């Protein structure tokens, strides 16, 4: 499964767990949690998640399903806006805008993806997927010539760091454990990749190495090839050639020749090969006359 499809497959496909008639009263509360041993109720750790969103009426549930069934991003966005107007207190608004964000992501429409992510955050400022989406777009699309560059990059870092916290507190519970773990691993991987990218662009090579390693470790079943490539370069810049070559080879194996990512990975491998004379250590300097 491709990384970009993980979120859709996990939490974006439907509202599961409704009552048999397709909706449930929103007054349902999550089960009370006992404090861990040695803690009082006031000292209890943050909850592992929130309950799944639910519709209050059959009409709301049917309107949500009709909007979700749309495949055109613009049409689904309009349906989501109409839904939010008709059901201004619906718990499903956030989930529906997440669906629209996925549609725009699949269409490679970064501007609309950002717009949907910001709508989600207006409903829930701690939504980890929306935080990561905004953070990633800011990190990747901010240019040196942007007058607000520092502000944009600071926001990207803050959002990525926040997502690492809220992925454990703001994801609905009650989904199959393996899907929840996949989703959380994906979000952590993306957040660390963004932090690594920010460090990479700032030439803070040691920090970039640490965050990019965490990105790969957080979701080892589907590592981000760009994170793998950047880790190779970060190691290269610290003269850690054996590991740099290892990750360059991995990046080459994960990318197609002729693509921007594939070319970058192959160029890095060629650089390391020339630098080390084809070995894992730098070639010795020629003797002086």
Protein backbone atom coordinates (compact mmCIF):
# COMPACT_ATOMS: atom_id res chain seq x y z
CA UNK A 1 0.00 0.00 0.00
CA UNK A 2 1.35 3.46 -0.91
CA UNK A 3 2.01 5.88 1.92
CA UNK A 4 -0.46 8.43 0.61
CA UNK A 5 -3.23 5.83 0.72
CA UNK A 6 -2.64 4.75 4.32
CA UNK A 7 -4.76 7.45 5.91
CA UNK A 8 -7.67 6.91 3.54
CA UNK A 9 -7.56 3.20 4.19
CA UNK A 10 -7.49 3.65 7.95
CA UNK A 11 -9.70 6.49 9.09
CA UNK A 12 -11.03 8.17 5.99
CA UNK A 13 -13.23 5.51 4.46
CA UNK A 14 -16.39 5.79 6.54
CA UNK A 15 -17.88 6.42 9.93
CA UNK A 16 -17.83 2.97 11.47
CA UNK A 17 -19.58 1.68 14.53
CA UNK A 18 -22.97 3.36 14.28
CA UNK A 19 -26.02 1.80 15.81
CA UNK A 20 -27.89 -0.64 13.62
CA UNK A 21 -30.12 2.13 12.27
CA UNK A 22 -27.09 4.04 11.01
CA UNK A 23 -26.77 6.74 13.65
CA UNK A 24 -26.35 7.22 17.35
CA UNK A 25 -27.05 9.99 19.82
CA UNK A 26 -24.10 12.34 20.23
CA UNK A 27 -24.65 12.34 23.99
CA UNK A 28 -22.80 9.04 24.17
CA UNK A 29 -19.63 9.50 26.18
CA UNK A 30 -16.41 7.56 26.12
CA UNK A 31 -16.00 5.03 28.85
CA UNK A 32 -14.47 6.40 32.01
CA UNK A 33 -10.80 5.63 32.43
CA UNK A 34 -9.22 4.71 35.71
CA UNK A 35 -6.00 6.44 36.68
CA UNK A 36 -2.86 4.28 36.56
CA UNK A 37 -1.60 2.83 39.81
CA UNK A 38 -0.04 5.49 41.98
CA UNK A 39 -1.97 8.34 40.37
CA UNK A 40 -5.07 10.15 41.51
CA UNK A 41 -7.90 10.84 39.12
CA UNK A 42 -6.60 14.38 38.63
CA UNK A 43 -3.18 13.02 37.72
CA UNK A 44 -4.40 10.52 35.15
CA UNK A 45 -2.52 10.41 31.87
CA UNK A 46 -4.09 11.83 28.73
CA UNK A 47 -6.72 9.55 27.21
CA UNK A 48 -5.60 7.22 24.46
CA UNK A 49 -8.10 8.77 22.07
CA UNK A 50 -11.60 10.11 21.63
CA UNK A 51 -14.71 8.25 20.63
CA UNK A 52 -15.72 7.95 17.01
CA UNK A 53 -17.89 10.74 15.55
CA UNK A 54 -21.56 9.95 15.25
CA UNK A 55 -24.62 11.34 13.48
CA UNK A 56 -27.57 12.54 15.54
CA UNK A 57 -30.28 11.70 13.01
CA UNK A 58 -30.87 9.35 10.12
CA UNK A 59 -31.14 12.40 7.80
CA UNK A 60 -27.67 13.59 8.83
CA UNK A 61 -26.25 10.10 8.37
CA UNK A 62 -27.77 9.78 4.90
CA UNK A 63 -26.49 13.22 3.86
CA UNK A 64 -23.00 12.31 5.02
CA UNK A 65 -23.02 9.04 3.07
CA UNK A 66 -24.23 10.84 -0.06
CA UNK A 67 -21.38 13.35 0.19
CA UNK A 68 -18.77 10.66 0.86
CA UNK A 69 -19.88 8.73 -2.23
CA UNK A 70 -18.85 11.59 -4.54
CA UNK A 71 -15.52 11.14 -6.30
CA UNK A 72 -14.99 14.56 -7.88
CA UNK A 73 -13.09 16.77 -5.39
CA UNK A 74 -14.90 19.99 -6.25
CA UNK A 75 -18.31 18.31 -6.09
CA UNK A 76 -17.43 16.70 -2.77
CA UNK A 77 -16.20 20.01 -1.38
CA UNK A 78 -19.50 21.67 -2.30
CA UNK A 79 -21.40 18.80 -0.71
CA UNK A 80 -19.27 19.14 2.44
CA UNK A 81 -19.98 22.87 2.62
CA UNK A 82 -23.70 22.26 2.12
CA UNK A 83 -23.60 19.56 4.79
CA UNK A 84 -21.84 21.89 7.24
CA UNK A 85 -24.46 24.58 6.60
CA UNK A 86 -27.38 22.20 7.07
CA UNK A 87 -25.88 20.41 10.08
CA UNK A 88 -23.73 23.10 11.78
CA UNK A 89 -23.25 21.03 14.94
CA UNK A 90 -22.57 17.71 13.24
CA UNK A 91 -19.66 15.66 14.49
CA UNK A 92 -19.22 14.40 10.93
CA UNK A 93 -18.14 17.73 9.43
CA UNK A 94 -14.51 17.17 10.33
CA UNK A 95 -14.49 13.67 8.88
CA UNK A 96 -16.19 14.84 5.70
CA UNK A 97 -13.65 17.62 5.13
CA UNK A 98 -10.93 15.02 5.69
CA UNK A 99 -12.44 13.04 2.83
CA UNK A 100 -12.31 16.10 0.63
CA UNK A 101 -8.70 16.73 1.62
CA UNK A 102 -7.86 13.19 0.52
CA UNK A 103 -9.54 13.79 -2.84
CA UNK A 104 -7.49 16.91 -3.44
CA UNK A 105 -4.34 15.09 -2.33
CA UNK A 106 -5.03 12.38 -4.91
CA UNK A 107 -5.54 15.14 -7.50
CA UNK A 108 -2.21 16.77 -6.54
CA UNK A 109 -3.99 20.03 -5.74
CA UNK A 110 -1.85 21.38 -2.92
CA UNK A 111 -3.68 24.70 -2.57
CA UNK A 112 -7.06 23.05 -2.04
CA UNK A 113 -5.53 20.40 0.19
CA UNK A 114 -4.18 23.19 2.41
CA UNK A 115 -7.57 24.89 2.42
CA UNK A 116 -9.34 21.70 3.53
CA UNK A 117 -6.71 21.00 6.20
CA UNK A 118 -7.24 24.48 7.61
CA UNK A 119 -11.01 23.92 7.66
CA UNK A 120 -10.43 20.73 9.63
CA UNK A 121 -8.22 22.58 12.11
CA UNK A 122 -10.91 25.23 12.53
CA UNK A 123 -13.14 22.40 13.82
CA UNK A 124 -10.42 20.60 15.78
CA UNK A 125 -7.11 22.39 16.25
CA UNK A 126 -5.47 19.12 17.36
CA UNK A 127 -6.38 16.90 14.41
CA UNK A 128 -3.05 15.12 13.78
CA UNK A 129 -3.60 14.42 10.09
CA UNK A 130 -4.53 18.02 9.31
CA UNK A 131 -1.59 19.28 11.37
CA UNK A 132 0.79 17.09 9.40
CA UNK A 133 -0.78 18.12 6.10
CA UNK A 134 -0.42 21.84 6.80
CA UNK A 135 3.08 21.33 8.17
CA UNK A 136 4.22 19.34 5.15
CA UNK A 137 2.87 21.85 2.65
CA UNK A 138 4.52 24.73 4.49
CA UNK A 139 7.85 22.90 4.73
CA UNK A 140 7.92 21.85 1.08
CA UNK A 141 6.46 24.99 -0.53
CA UNK A 142 8.17 27.78 1.39
CA UNK A 143 10.87 29.52 -0.66
CA UNK A 144 13.92 31.51 0.38
CA UNK A 145 12.41 34.59 -1.25
CA UNK A 146 9.16 34.44 0.73
CA UNK A 147 8.89 37.50 2.95
CA UNK A 148 7.22 35.40 5.65
CA UNK A 149 9.63 32.48 5.27
CA UNK A 150 10.65 32.34 8.94
CA UNK A 151 7.05 32.52 10.11
CA UNK A 152 5.96 29.75 7.71
CA UNK A 153 8.80 27.43 8.70
CA UNK A 154 8.20 28.05 12.40
CA UNK A 155 4.53 27.15 11.88
CA UNK A 156 5.55 23.99 10.01
CA UNK A 157 7.78 22.89 12.89
CA UNK A 158 5.18 23.72 15.52
CA UNK A 159 2.44 21.79 13.71
CA UNK A 160 4.64 18.73 13.17
CA UNK A 161 5.65 18.68 16.82
CA UNK A 162 2.02 19.08 17.88
CA UNK A 163 0.94 16.20 15.67
CA UNK A 164 3.41 13.93 17.47
CA UNK A 165 1.46 14.65 20.66
CA UNK A 166 -2.11 14.60 19.38
CA UNK A 167 -1.71 11.40 17.37
CA UNK A 168 -2.01 9.67 20.75
CA UNK A 169 -4.86 11.80 22.11
CA UNK A 170 -6.98 13.00 19.20
CA UNK A 171 -7.55 9.85 17.12
CA UNK A 172 -10.92 8.13 17.62
CA UNK A 173 -10.78 4.85 19.46
CA UNK A 174 -12.72 1.73 18.55
CA UNK A 175 -11.09 0.95 15.20
CA UNK A 176 -9.22 -2.32 14.59
CA UNK A 177 -5.90 -2.10 16.50
CA UNK A 178 -3.76 -2.88 13.46
CA UNK A 179 -5.35 -0.02 11.50
CA UNK A 180 -4.95 2.44 14.35
CA UNK A 181 -1.29 1.48 14.72
CA UNK A 182 -0.74 1.89 10.98
CA UNK A 183 -2.34 5.32 11.05
CA UNK A 184 -0.37 6.46 14.08
CA UNK A 185 2.86 5.12 12.63
CA UNK A 186 2.18 6.96 9.38
CA UNK A 187 1.48 10.25 11.13
CA UNK A 188 4.60 9.95 13.29
CA UNK A 189 6.67 9.08 10.24
CA UNK A 190 5.35 12.08 8.33
CA UNK A 191 5.86 14.44 11.27
CA UNK A 192 9.46 13.34 11.81
CA UNK A 193 10.11 13.53 8.05
CA UNK A 194 8.91 17.15 8.09
CA UNK A 195 11.13 18.00 11.05
CA UNK A 196 14.00 16.27 9.27
CA UNK A 197 13.28 18.24 6.11
CA UNK A 198 13.35 21.53 8.02
CA UNK A 199 16.69 20.57 9.57
CA UNK A 200 17.98 19.31 6.22
CA UNK A 201 17.15 22.60 4.49
CA UNK A 202 18.85 24.49 7.32
CA UNK A 203 21.95 22.26 6.89
CA UNK A 204 21.60 21.11 10.50
CA UNK A 205 22.85 17.69 9.46
CA UNK A 206 22.97 15.96 12.85
CA UNK A 207 19.43 17.05 13.71
CA UNK A 208 18.24 16.07 10.25
CA UNK A 209 19.81 12.64 10.68
CA UNK A 210 18.04 12.09 14.01
CA UNK A 211 14.59 13.09 12.78
CA UNK A 212 14.87 11.24 9.47
CA UNK A 213 15.91 8.05 11.29
CA UNK A 214 12.84 8.43 13.51
CA UNK A 215 10.67 8.88 10.42
CA UNK A 216 11.92 5.62 8.91
CA UNK A 217 11.67 3.74 12.22
CA UNK A 218 8.12 4.97 12.87
CA UNK A 219 6.75 3.32 9.74
CA UNK A 220 9.32 0.75 8.55
CA UNK A 221 6.85 -1.18 6.43
CA UNK A 222 6.53 1.77 4.04
CA UNK A 223 9.38 4.27 4.52
CA UNK A 224 9.27 7.57 2.68
CA UNK A 225 11.82 7.40 -0.17
CA UNK A 226 12.51 11.13 0.11
CA UNK A 227 13.28 10.74 3.81
CA UNK A 228 15.62 7.85 2.96
CA UNK A 229 17.39 9.97 0.32
CA UNK A 230 17.73 12.95 2.64
CA UNK A 231 19.09 10.72 5.38
CA UNK A 232 21.76 9.54 2.95
CA UNK A 233 22.75 13.13 2.19
CA UNK A 234 22.72 14.13 5.89
CA UNK A 235 25.06 11.23 6.67
CA UNK A 236 27.23 12.10 3.65
CA UNK A 237 27.59 15.68 4.89
CA UNK A 238 28.87 14.31 8.21
CA UNK A 239 31.36 12.01 6.43
CA UNK A 240 29.45 8.92 7.59
CA UNK A 241 30.02 7.22 4.27
CA UNK A 242 29.12 3.57 4.96
CA UNK A 243 25.64 4.41 6.18
CA UNK A 244 25.24 7.13 3.59
CA UNK A 245 25.85 4.58 0.84
CA UNK A 246 23.46 2.13 2.49
CA UNK A 247 20.60 4.63 2.40
CA UNK A 248 21.54 5.89 -1.07
CA UNK A 249 21.19 2.33 -2.34
CA UNK A 250 17.86 1.99 -0.55
CA UNK A 251 16.62 5.27 -2.04
CA UNK A 252 17.63 4.07 -5.52
CA UNK A 253 15.73 0.82 -5.02
CA UNK A 254 12.61 2.71 -3.91
CA UNK A 255 12.48 5.22 -6.78
CA UNK A 256 12.10 5.03 -10.53
CA UNK A 257 14.84 6.15 -12.86
CA UNK A 258 13.93 9.36 -14.67
CA UNK A 259 11.77 10.76 -11.86
CA UNK A 260 13.03 13.74 -9.81
CA UNK A 261 13.36 11.56 -6.70
CA UNK A 262 15.01 8.78 -8.70
CA UNK A 263 17.53 11.13 -10.28
CA UNK A 264 18.41 12.68 -6.93
CA UNK A 265 18.95 9.26 -5.36
CA UNK A 266 21.11 8.05 -8.25
CA UNK A 267 23.15 11.25 -8.26
CA UNK A 268 23.82 10.83 -4.54
CA UNK A 269 24.88 7.23 -5.05
CA UNK A 270 27.21 8.26 -7.87
CA UNK A 271 28.68 11.02 -5.72
CA UNK A 272 29.38 8.61 -2.88
CA UNK A 273 30.85 6.06 -5.26
CA UNK A 274 33.23 8.63 -6.71
CA UNK A 275 34.04 10.06 -3.30
CA UNK A 276 34.91 6.69 -1.79
CA UNK A 277 36.39 5.03 -4.84
CA UNK A 278 33.58 2.48 -4.78
CA UNK A 279 34.22 1.48 -1.16
CA UNK A 280 32.60 2.47 2.12
CA UNK A 281 35.46 4.75 3.11
CA UNK A 282 36.98 7.75 1.36
CA UNK A 283 39.74 7.04 -1.11
CA UNK A 284 43.20 8.01 0.23
CA UNK A 285 44.68 11.23 -0.99
CA UNK A 286 47.31 10.80 -3.74
CA UNK A 287 50.93 10.96 -2.51
CA UNK A 288 52.62 14.34 -2.69
CA UNK A 289 55.58 14.74 -5.04
